[in-house]
């Protein structure tokens, strides 16, 4: 399974998907301290089933940033530490530019372009009566799925963007 996280300064989104991206096992958005505890729980719940751990990294584009960006950076460091300790996996950082190129083949892509590329690839969101692949996904969970998909394509399939 692939565990992918879209980190934030207060809350973070995550997905756990099959290695071939055929099924979403678990998804959500939660407070960062709860997510850190969840990593430990997943280490016991899924055991050695979590094969890969990908985190969206932060990249500088030369613009000034504020406190929230630094707090997100600190949290990424904590995720890496807990991932190594509890999951025994070296996390891989996936940067937004990689996601844009992988999913949309353009550095100018935005969140809605990425969301549409994921829908085009995996299927519709669906409804409560007829849930699709992405039923229950919200904004940041889409980003976590983009991280998982980019990790899969780049590291498991060896695709170049």
N, C-alpha and C. Protein backbone atom coordinates (compact mmCIF):
# COMPACT_ATOMS: atom_id res chain seq x y z
N UNK A 1 0.83 -1.18 0.00
CA UNK A 1 0.00 0.00 0.00
C UNK A 1 0.88 1.25 0.00
N UNK A 2 0.34 2.30 -0.56
CA UNK A 2 1.01 3.60 -0.58
C UNK A 2 0.27 4.51 0.40
N UNK A 3 1.01 5.11 1.33
CA UNK A 3 0.48 6.13 2.21
C UNK A 3 0.99 7.46 1.68
N UNK A 4 0.07 8.37 1.35
CA UNK A 4 0.45 9.68 0.82
C UNK A 4 -0.19 10.76 1.67
N UNK A 5 0.59 11.80 1.97
CA UNK A 5 0.11 12.88 2.84
C UNK A 5 0.33 14.23 2.18
N UNK A 6 -0.71 15.06 2.27
CA UNK A 6 -0.63 16.48 1.91
C UNK A 6 -0.58 17.23 3.23
N UNK A 7 0.62 17.64 3.67
CA UNK A 7 0.75 18.24 5.00
C UNK A 7 0.30 19.70 5.03
N UNK A 8 -0.15 20.10 6.20
CA UNK A 8 -0.50 21.49 6.45
C UNK A 8 0.06 21.90 7.79
N UNK A 9 -0.10 23.16 8.14
CA UNK A 9 0.45 23.63 9.40
C UNK A 9 -0.41 23.23 10.60
N UNK A 10 -1.71 22.99 10.39
CA UNK A 10 -2.62 22.60 11.48
C UNK A 10 -3.25 21.24 11.19
N UNK A 11 -3.73 21.06 9.97
CA UNK A 11 -4.37 19.81 9.55
C UNK A 11 -3.66 19.27 8.31
N UNK A 12 -3.75 17.97 8.13
CA UNK A 12 -3.17 17.33 6.95
C UNK A 12 -4.13 16.30 6.39
N UNK A 13 -4.07 16.12 5.07
CA UNK A 13 -4.91 15.12 4.41
C UNK A 13 -4.04 13.92 4.06
N UNK A 14 -4.69 12.76 3.99
CA UNK A 14 -3.95 11.53 3.69
C UNK A 14 -4.82 10.58 2.88
N UNK A 15 -4.16 9.71 2.15
CA UNK A 15 -4.81 8.56 1.50
C UNK A 15 -3.91 7.36 1.69
N UNK A 16 -4.54 6.21 1.83
CA UNK A 16 -3.84 4.93 1.77
C UNK A 16 -4.47 4.19 0.60
N UNK A 17 -3.66 3.86 -0.41
CA UNK A 17 -4.17 3.23 -1.62
C UNK A 17 -3.38 1.96 -1.92
N UNK A 18 -3.98 1.10 -2.71
CA UNK A 18 -3.27 -0.10 -3.18
C UNK A 18 -2.08 0.34 -4.02
N UNK A 19 -1.05 -0.49 -4.08
CA UNK A 19 0.16 -0.15 -4.84
C UNK A 19 -0.12 0.11 -6.31
N UNK A 20 -1.15 -0.52 -6.86
CA UNK A 20 -1.49 -0.31 -8.26
C UNK A 20 -2.55 0.78 -8.44
N UNK A 21 -2.88 1.47 -7.37
CA UNK A 21 -3.87 2.57 -7.34
C UNK A 21 -5.28 2.10 -7.66
N UNK A 22 -5.54 0.81 -7.54
CA UNK A 22 -6.86 0.28 -7.91
C UNK A 22 -7.94 0.56 -6.89
N UNK A 23 -7.53 0.87 -5.64
CA UNK A 23 -8.53 1.05 -4.59
C UNK A 23 -8.00 1.97 -3.51
N UNK A 24 -8.88 2.84 -3.02
CA UNK A 24 -8.57 3.68 -1.87
C UNK A 24 -8.96 2.90 -0.62
N UNK A 25 -8.01 2.64 0.24
CA UNK A 25 -8.24 1.87 1.46
C UNK A 25 -8.79 2.77 2.56
N UNK A 26 -8.17 3.93 2.71
CA UNK A 26 -8.55 4.88 3.75
C UNK A 26 -8.18 6.27 3.29
N UNK A 27 -8.95 7.26 3.72
CA UNK A 27 -8.69 8.65 3.35
C UNK A 27 -9.23 9.55 4.45
N UNK A 28 -8.73 10.78 4.49
CA UNK A 28 -9.26 11.71 5.47
C UNK A 28 -8.41 12.94 5.60
N UNK A 29 -8.88 13.82 6.47
CA UNK A 29 -8.15 15.03 6.82
C UNK A 29 -8.32 15.18 8.32
N UNK A 30 -7.20 15.39 9.01
CA UNK A 30 -7.25 15.43 10.46
C UNK A 30 -6.21 16.39 11.01
N UNK A 31 -6.34 16.69 12.28
CA UNK A 31 -5.36 17.53 12.96
C UNK A 31 -4.01 16.83 12.97
N UNK A 32 -2.95 17.60 12.87
CA UNK A 32 -1.61 17.03 12.78
C UNK A 32 -1.22 16.11 13.94
N UNK A 33 -1.49 16.47 15.21
CA UNK A 33 -1.13 15.54 16.28
C UNK A 33 -1.86 14.20 16.17
N UNK A 34 -3.10 14.24 15.70
CA UNK A 34 -3.87 13.00 15.52
C UNK A 34 -3.28 12.17 14.39
N UNK A 35 -2.84 12.84 13.33
CA UNK A 35 -2.22 12.12 12.21
C UNK A 35 -0.92 11.45 12.64
N UNK A 36 -0.13 12.12 13.46
CA UNK A 36 1.11 11.49 13.94
C UNK A 36 0.80 10.23 14.75
N UNK A 37 -0.23 10.28 15.60
CA UNK A 37 -0.62 9.09 16.36
C UNK A 37 -1.17 8.02 15.42
N UNK A 38 -1.88 8.44 14.37
CA UNK A 38 -2.44 7.49 13.42
C UNK A 38 -1.33 6.71 12.70
N UNK A 39 -0.20 7.35 12.44
CA UNK A 39 0.91 6.64 11.79
C UNK A 39 1.35 5.45 12.63
N UNK A 40 1.40 5.66 13.94
CA UNK A 40 1.76 4.57 14.84
C UNK A 40 0.70 3.48 14.80
N UNK A 41 -0.57 3.87 14.81
CA UNK A 41 -1.67 2.90 14.76
C UNK A 41 -1.62 2.12 13.45
N UNK A 42 -1.39 2.82 12.33
CA UNK A 42 -1.32 2.15 11.04
C UNK A 42 -0.17 1.15 10.99
N UNK A 43 0.92 1.45 11.71
CA UNK A 43 2.05 0.52 11.74
C UNK A 43 1.60 -0.84 12.30
N UNK A 44 0.67 -0.81 13.25
CA UNK A 44 0.16 -2.06 13.82
C UNK A 44 -1.04 -2.59 13.04
N UNK A 45 -1.90 -1.68 12.57
CA UNK A 45 -3.12 -2.10 11.86
C UNK A 45 -2.79 -2.74 10.52
N UNK A 46 -1.92 -2.08 9.75
CA UNK A 46 -1.59 -2.57 8.42
C UNK A 46 -0.27 -3.33 8.40
N UNK A 47 0.48 -3.24 9.49
CA UNK A 47 1.76 -3.95 9.58
C UNK A 47 2.68 -3.63 8.43
N UNK A 48 3.20 -4.65 7.84
CA UNK A 48 4.15 -4.44 6.74
C UNK A 48 3.43 -4.20 5.42
N UNK A 49 2.11 -4.02 5.47
CA UNK A 49 1.35 -3.78 4.24
C UNK A 49 1.58 -2.40 3.65
N UNK A 50 1.96 -1.43 4.48
CA UNK A 50 2.31 -0.11 3.94
C UNK A 50 3.73 -0.22 3.41
N UNK A 51 3.81 -0.23 2.09
CA UNK A 51 5.10 -0.43 1.43
C UNK A 51 5.83 0.87 1.12
N UNK A 52 5.05 1.93 0.87
CA UNK A 52 5.62 3.20 0.42
C UNK A 52 4.96 4.34 1.17
N UNK A 53 5.74 5.39 1.40
CA UNK A 53 5.27 6.56 2.16
C UNK A 53 5.73 7.80 1.40
N UNK A 54 4.78 8.58 0.91
CA UNK A 54 5.09 9.79 0.15
C UNK A 54 4.45 11.00 0.82
N UNK A 55 5.19 12.08 0.87
CA UNK A 55 4.74 13.31 1.50
C UNK A 55 4.94 14.44 0.49
N UNK A 56 3.94 15.32 0.38
CA UNK A 56 4.14 16.49 -0.49
C UNK A 56 5.13 17.42 0.17
N UNK A 57 6.23 17.70 -0.54
CA UNK A 57 7.27 18.58 -0.02
C UNK A 57 7.00 20.03 -0.34
N UNK A 58 7.73 20.88 0.33
CA UNK A 58 7.61 22.33 0.09
C UNK A 58 8.84 22.77 -0.67
N UNK A 59 8.61 23.57 -1.69
CA UNK A 59 9.68 24.03 -2.57
C UNK A 59 9.63 25.55 -2.63
N UNK A 60 10.79 26.18 -2.63
CA UNK A 60 10.86 27.63 -2.69
C UNK A 60 10.84 28.10 -4.14
N UNK A 61 10.04 29.12 -4.36
CA UNK A 61 10.00 29.76 -5.69
C UNK A 61 10.49 31.20 -5.59
N UNK A 62 11.21 31.53 -4.52
CA UNK A 62 11.80 32.85 -4.38
C UNK A 62 10.89 33.88 -3.73
N UNK A 63 9.69 33.51 -3.36
CA UNK A 63 8.77 34.45 -2.74
C UNK A 63 8.91 34.38 -1.22
N UNK A 64 8.57 35.48 -0.57
CA UNK A 64 8.57 35.50 0.89
C UNK A 64 7.45 34.58 1.40
N UNK A 65 7.71 33.89 2.50
CA UNK A 65 6.70 33.01 3.09
C UNK A 65 6.52 33.38 4.56
N UNK A 66 5.40 32.94 5.10
CA UNK A 66 5.08 33.28 6.47
C UNK A 66 5.22 32.11 7.42
N UNK A 67 4.74 32.33 8.63
CA UNK A 67 4.84 31.38 9.72
C UNK A 67 4.22 30.03 9.38
N UNK A 68 3.07 30.03 8.71
CA UNK A 68 2.37 28.77 8.43
C UNK A 68 3.20 27.86 7.53
N UNK A 69 3.95 28.41 6.59
CA UNK A 69 4.79 27.59 5.72
C UNK A 69 5.90 26.93 6.53
N UNK A 70 6.51 27.67 7.43
CA UNK A 70 7.56 27.09 8.27
C UNK A 70 6.99 26.03 9.20
N UNK A 71 5.81 26.27 9.74
CA UNK A 71 5.18 25.27 10.61
C UNK A 71 4.88 23.99 9.82
N UNK A 72 4.49 24.13 8.55
CA UNK A 72 4.28 22.96 7.70
C UNK A 72 5.60 22.23 7.47
N UNK A 73 6.67 22.97 7.26
CA UNK A 73 7.99 22.35 7.09
C UNK A 73 8.39 21.56 8.33
N UNK A 74 8.16 22.13 9.51
CA UNK A 74 8.48 21.42 10.75
C UNK A 74 7.65 20.14 10.84
N UNK A 75 6.39 20.22 10.45
CA UNK A 75 5.53 19.04 10.53
C UNK A 75 5.99 17.96 9.55
N UNK A 76 6.44 18.36 8.39
CA UNK A 76 6.98 17.38 7.43
C UNK A 76 8.15 16.64 8.07
N UNK A 77 9.00 17.35 8.78
CA UNK A 77 10.12 16.70 9.48
C UNK A 77 9.64 15.70 10.51
N UNK A 78 8.58 16.04 11.22
CA UNK A 78 8.02 15.12 12.21
C UNK A 78 7.43 13.89 11.53
N UNK A 79 6.76 14.09 10.39
CA UNK A 79 6.21 12.95 9.63
C UNK A 79 7.32 12.00 9.20
N UNK A 80 8.40 12.58 8.71
CA UNK A 80 9.54 11.76 8.28
C UNK A 80 10.08 10.95 9.45
N UNK A 81 10.25 11.62 10.58
CA UNK A 81 10.78 10.95 11.77
C UNK A 81 9.88 9.80 12.23
N UNK A 82 8.58 10.06 12.32
CA UNK A 82 7.64 9.03 12.78
C UNK A 82 7.51 7.92 11.74
N UNK A 83 7.54 8.28 10.47
CA UNK A 83 7.48 7.27 9.42
C UNK A 83 8.65 6.30 9.49
N UNK A 84 9.84 6.82 9.70
CA UNK A 84 11.03 5.97 9.82
C UNK A 84 10.94 5.10 11.07
N UNK A 85 10.53 5.71 12.18
CA UNK A 85 10.52 5.00 13.46
C UNK A 85 9.42 3.93 13.53
N UNK A 86 8.20 4.31 13.13
CA UNK A 86 7.06 3.41 13.33
C UNK A 86 6.73 2.55 12.12
N UNK A 87 6.85 3.12 10.93
CA UNK A 87 6.53 2.35 9.72
C UNK A 87 7.77 1.69 9.13
N UNK A 88 8.95 2.10 9.59
CA UNK A 88 10.22 1.57 9.09
C UNK A 88 10.35 1.79 7.58
N UNK A 89 9.90 2.97 7.15
CA UNK A 89 9.95 3.33 5.73
C UNK A 89 10.60 4.71 5.61
N UNK A 90 11.50 4.85 4.67
CA UNK A 90 12.08 6.15 4.34
C UNK A 90 11.08 6.89 3.46
N UNK A 91 10.44 7.94 3.97
CA UNK A 91 9.46 8.66 3.16
C UNK A 91 10.12 9.36 1.96
N UNK A 92 9.35 9.50 0.90
CA UNK A 92 9.79 10.19 -0.30
C UNK A 92 9.02 11.49 -0.41
N UNK A 93 9.73 12.59 -0.66
CA UNK A 93 9.06 13.88 -0.86
C UNK A 93 8.68 14.01 -2.33
N UNK A 94 7.43 14.35 -2.55
CA UNK A 94 6.91 14.61 -3.90
C UNK A 94 6.55 16.09 -3.95
N UNK A 95 7.09 16.79 -4.91
CA UNK A 95 6.86 18.23 -4.98
C UNK A 95 5.71 18.56 -5.94
N UNK A 96 5.08 19.67 -5.69
CA UNK A 96 3.90 20.07 -6.46
C UNK A 96 4.20 20.13 -7.96
N UNK A 97 5.37 20.60 -8.31
CA UNK A 97 5.74 20.69 -9.72
C UNK A 97 5.74 19.30 -10.36
N UNK A 98 6.20 18.29 -9.64
CA UNK A 98 6.19 16.91 -10.15
C UNK A 98 4.75 16.45 -10.38
N UNK A 99 3.85 16.79 -9.46
CA UNK A 99 2.44 16.41 -9.60
C UNK A 99 1.83 17.06 -10.84
N UNK A 100 2.11 18.34 -11.03
CA UNK A 100 1.57 19.05 -12.19
C UNK A 100 2.04 18.42 -13.49
N UNK A 101 3.34 18.11 -13.55
CA UNK A 101 3.89 17.52 -14.77
C UNK A 101 3.39 16.09 -14.98
N UNK A 102 3.30 15.32 -13.91
CA UNK A 102 2.85 13.93 -14.01
C UNK A 102 1.39 13.85 -14.45
N UNK A 103 0.54 14.62 -13.82
CA UNK A 103 -0.90 14.49 -14.04
C UNK A 103 -1.43 15.34 -15.19
N UNK A 104 -0.84 16.53 -15.37
CA UNK A 104 -1.38 17.47 -16.36
C UNK A 104 -0.40 17.81 -17.48
N UNK A 105 0.86 17.37 -17.34
CA UNK A 105 1.89 17.64 -18.35
C UNK A 105 2.09 19.13 -18.59
N UNK A 106 1.87 19.93 -17.52
CA UNK A 106 2.06 21.37 -17.62
C UNK A 106 2.38 21.93 -16.25
N UNK A 107 3.37 22.81 -16.18
CA UNK A 107 3.70 23.46 -14.91
C UNK A 107 2.68 24.53 -14.55
N UNK A 108 1.82 24.88 -15.49
CA UNK A 108 0.81 25.92 -15.25
C UNK A 108 -0.49 25.35 -14.67
N UNK A 109 -0.55 24.05 -14.46
CA UNK A 109 -1.76 23.41 -13.94
C UNK A 109 -2.09 23.95 -12.54
N UNK A 110 -3.38 23.98 -12.23
CA UNK A 110 -3.83 24.40 -10.90
C UNK A 110 -4.60 23.24 -10.25
N UNK A 111 -5.14 23.49 -9.06
CA UNK A 111 -5.84 22.43 -8.32
C UNK A 111 -6.99 21.82 -9.12
N UNK A 112 -7.76 22.65 -9.81
CA UNK A 112 -8.90 22.10 -10.56
C UNK A 112 -8.43 21.26 -11.75
N UNK A 113 -7.31 21.64 -12.37
CA UNK A 113 -6.76 20.82 -13.46
C UNK A 113 -6.30 19.46 -12.94
N UNK A 114 -5.66 19.46 -11.78
CA UNK A 114 -5.19 18.20 -11.18
C UNK A 114 -6.38 17.33 -10.81
N UNK A 115 -7.40 17.93 -10.21
CA UNK A 115 -8.61 17.17 -9.84
C UNK A 115 -9.23 16.53 -11.08
N UNK A 116 -9.35 17.30 -12.15
CA UNK A 116 -9.94 16.78 -13.38
C UNK A 116 -9.09 15.67 -13.99
N UNK A 117 -7.77 15.82 -13.92
CA UNK A 117 -6.88 14.78 -14.45
C UNK A 117 -7.05 13.48 -13.67
N UNK A 118 -7.22 13.57 -12.36
CA UNK A 118 -7.46 12.38 -11.54
C UNK A 118 -8.80 11.73 -11.89
N UNK A 119 -9.83 12.55 -12.07
CA UNK A 119 -11.15 12.02 -12.46
C UNK A 119 -11.08 11.34 -13.82
N UNK A 120 -10.38 11.97 -14.77
CA UNK A 120 -10.23 11.38 -16.10
C UNK A 120 -9.52 10.03 -16.03
N UNK A 121 -8.61 9.90 -15.13
CA UNK A 121 -7.82 8.66 -15.02
C UNK A 121 -8.54 7.56 -14.24
N UNK A 122 -9.22 7.92 -13.14
CA UNK A 122 -9.78 6.90 -12.25
C UNK A 122 -11.29 6.79 -12.26
N UNK A 123 -11.99 7.78 -12.74
CA UNK A 123 -13.44 7.72 -12.76
C UNK A 123 -14.09 8.81 -11.95
N UNK A 124 -15.39 8.82 -11.99
CA UNK A 124 -16.18 9.90 -11.41
C UNK A 124 -16.21 9.84 -9.89
N UNK A 125 -16.67 10.94 -9.29
CA UNK A 125 -16.82 11.02 -7.85
C UNK A 125 -17.99 10.15 -7.41
N UNK A 126 -19.11 10.26 -8.12
CA UNK A 126 -20.29 9.47 -7.79
C UNK A 126 -21.19 10.17 -6.79
N UNK A 127 -22.19 9.44 -6.35
CA UNK A 127 -23.17 9.94 -5.40
C UNK A 127 -23.27 8.99 -4.22
N UNK A 128 -24.09 9.37 -3.24
CA UNK A 128 -24.26 8.50 -2.08
C UNK A 128 -24.85 7.15 -2.48
N UNK A 129 -25.82 7.19 -3.41
CA UNK A 129 -26.45 5.95 -3.86
C UNK A 129 -25.55 5.15 -4.80
N UNK A 130 -24.71 5.86 -5.52
CA UNK A 130 -23.83 5.21 -6.49
C UNK A 130 -22.42 5.79 -6.37
N UNK A 131 -21.70 5.44 -5.28
CA UNK A 131 -20.38 6.05 -5.06
C UNK A 131 -19.36 5.64 -6.12
N UNK A 132 -18.61 6.62 -6.57
CA UNK A 132 -17.53 6.36 -7.52
C UNK A 132 -16.21 6.24 -6.78
N UNK A 133 -15.14 6.17 -7.54
CA UNK A 133 -13.79 6.01 -6.99
C UNK A 133 -13.47 7.10 -5.97
N UNK A 134 -13.91 8.32 -6.25
CA UNK A 134 -13.55 9.47 -5.41
C UNK A 134 -14.65 9.93 -4.47
N UNK A 135 -15.64 9.11 -4.23
CA UNK A 135 -16.73 9.52 -3.35
C UNK A 135 -16.17 9.86 -1.96
N UNK A 136 -16.53 11.02 -1.45
CA UNK A 136 -16.08 11.46 -0.13
C UNK A 136 -14.79 12.26 -0.14
N UNK A 137 -14.19 12.46 -1.30
CA UNK A 137 -12.96 13.25 -1.38
C UNK A 137 -13.29 14.74 -1.23
N UNK A 138 -12.43 15.44 -0.51
CA UNK A 138 -12.53 16.88 -0.35
C UNK A 138 -11.21 17.49 -0.79
N UNK A 139 -11.13 18.81 -0.81
CA UNK A 139 -10.02 19.55 -1.40
C UNK A 139 -8.63 18.96 -1.11
N UNK A 140 -8.24 18.88 0.14
CA UNK A 140 -6.88 18.44 0.45
C UNK A 140 -6.69 16.95 0.24
N UNK A 141 -7.76 16.18 0.30
CA UNK A 141 -7.63 14.75 0.04
C UNK A 141 -7.30 14.52 -1.43
N UNK A 142 -7.82 15.38 -2.31
CA UNK A 142 -7.44 15.31 -3.74
C UNK A 142 -5.93 15.49 -3.87
N UNK A 143 -5.38 16.42 -3.11
CA UNK A 143 -3.93 16.67 -3.17
C UNK A 143 -3.15 15.45 -2.69
N UNK A 144 -3.63 14.80 -1.64
CA UNK A 144 -2.96 13.59 -1.17
C UNK A 144 -3.00 12.50 -2.24
N UNK A 145 -4.13 12.39 -2.95
CA UNK A 145 -4.23 11.40 -4.03
C UNK A 145 -3.29 11.75 -5.17
N UNK A 146 -3.11 13.04 -5.44
CA UNK A 146 -2.16 13.46 -6.47
C UNK A 146 -0.74 13.05 -6.07
N UNK A 147 -0.42 13.15 -4.78
CA UNK A 147 0.89 12.72 -4.28
C UNK A 147 1.06 11.22 -4.50
N UNK A 148 0.05 10.44 -4.14
CA UNK A 148 0.11 8.99 -4.30
C UNK A 148 0.27 8.59 -5.77
N UNK A 149 -0.49 9.24 -6.63
CA UNK A 149 -0.45 8.92 -8.06
C UNK A 149 0.91 9.28 -8.66
N UNK A 150 1.43 10.44 -8.30
CA UNK A 150 2.74 10.85 -8.80
C UNK A 150 3.82 9.90 -8.29
N UNK A 151 3.74 9.52 -7.01
CA UNK A 151 4.71 8.56 -6.48
C UNK A 151 4.64 7.25 -7.27
N UNK A 152 3.44 6.75 -7.47
CA UNK A 152 3.24 5.50 -8.22
C UNK A 152 3.86 5.59 -9.61
N UNK A 153 3.52 6.65 -10.33
CA UNK A 153 3.98 6.77 -11.71
C UNK A 153 5.50 6.94 -11.80
N UNK A 154 6.06 7.73 -10.88
CA UNK A 154 7.49 8.02 -10.94
C UNK A 154 8.35 6.89 -10.40
N UNK A 155 7.96 6.32 -9.27
CA UNK A 155 8.84 5.37 -8.59
C UNK A 155 8.45 3.90 -8.81
N UNK A 156 7.19 3.62 -9.03
CA UNK A 156 6.78 2.23 -9.24
C UNK A 156 6.69 1.87 -10.72
N UNK A 157 6.40 2.86 -11.56
CA UNK A 157 6.31 2.60 -12.99
C UNK A 157 7.50 3.17 -13.76
N UNK A 158 8.30 4.01 -13.09
CA UNK A 158 9.49 4.55 -13.72
C UNK A 158 9.24 5.55 -14.83
N UNK A 159 8.08 6.22 -14.80
CA UNK A 159 7.77 7.20 -15.84
C UNK A 159 8.54 8.47 -15.62
N UNK A 160 8.94 9.09 -16.69
CA UNK A 160 9.61 10.40 -16.66
C UNK A 160 8.62 11.46 -17.11
N UNK A 161 8.65 12.61 -16.46
CA UNK A 161 7.73 13.69 -16.86
C UNK A 161 8.52 14.83 -17.42
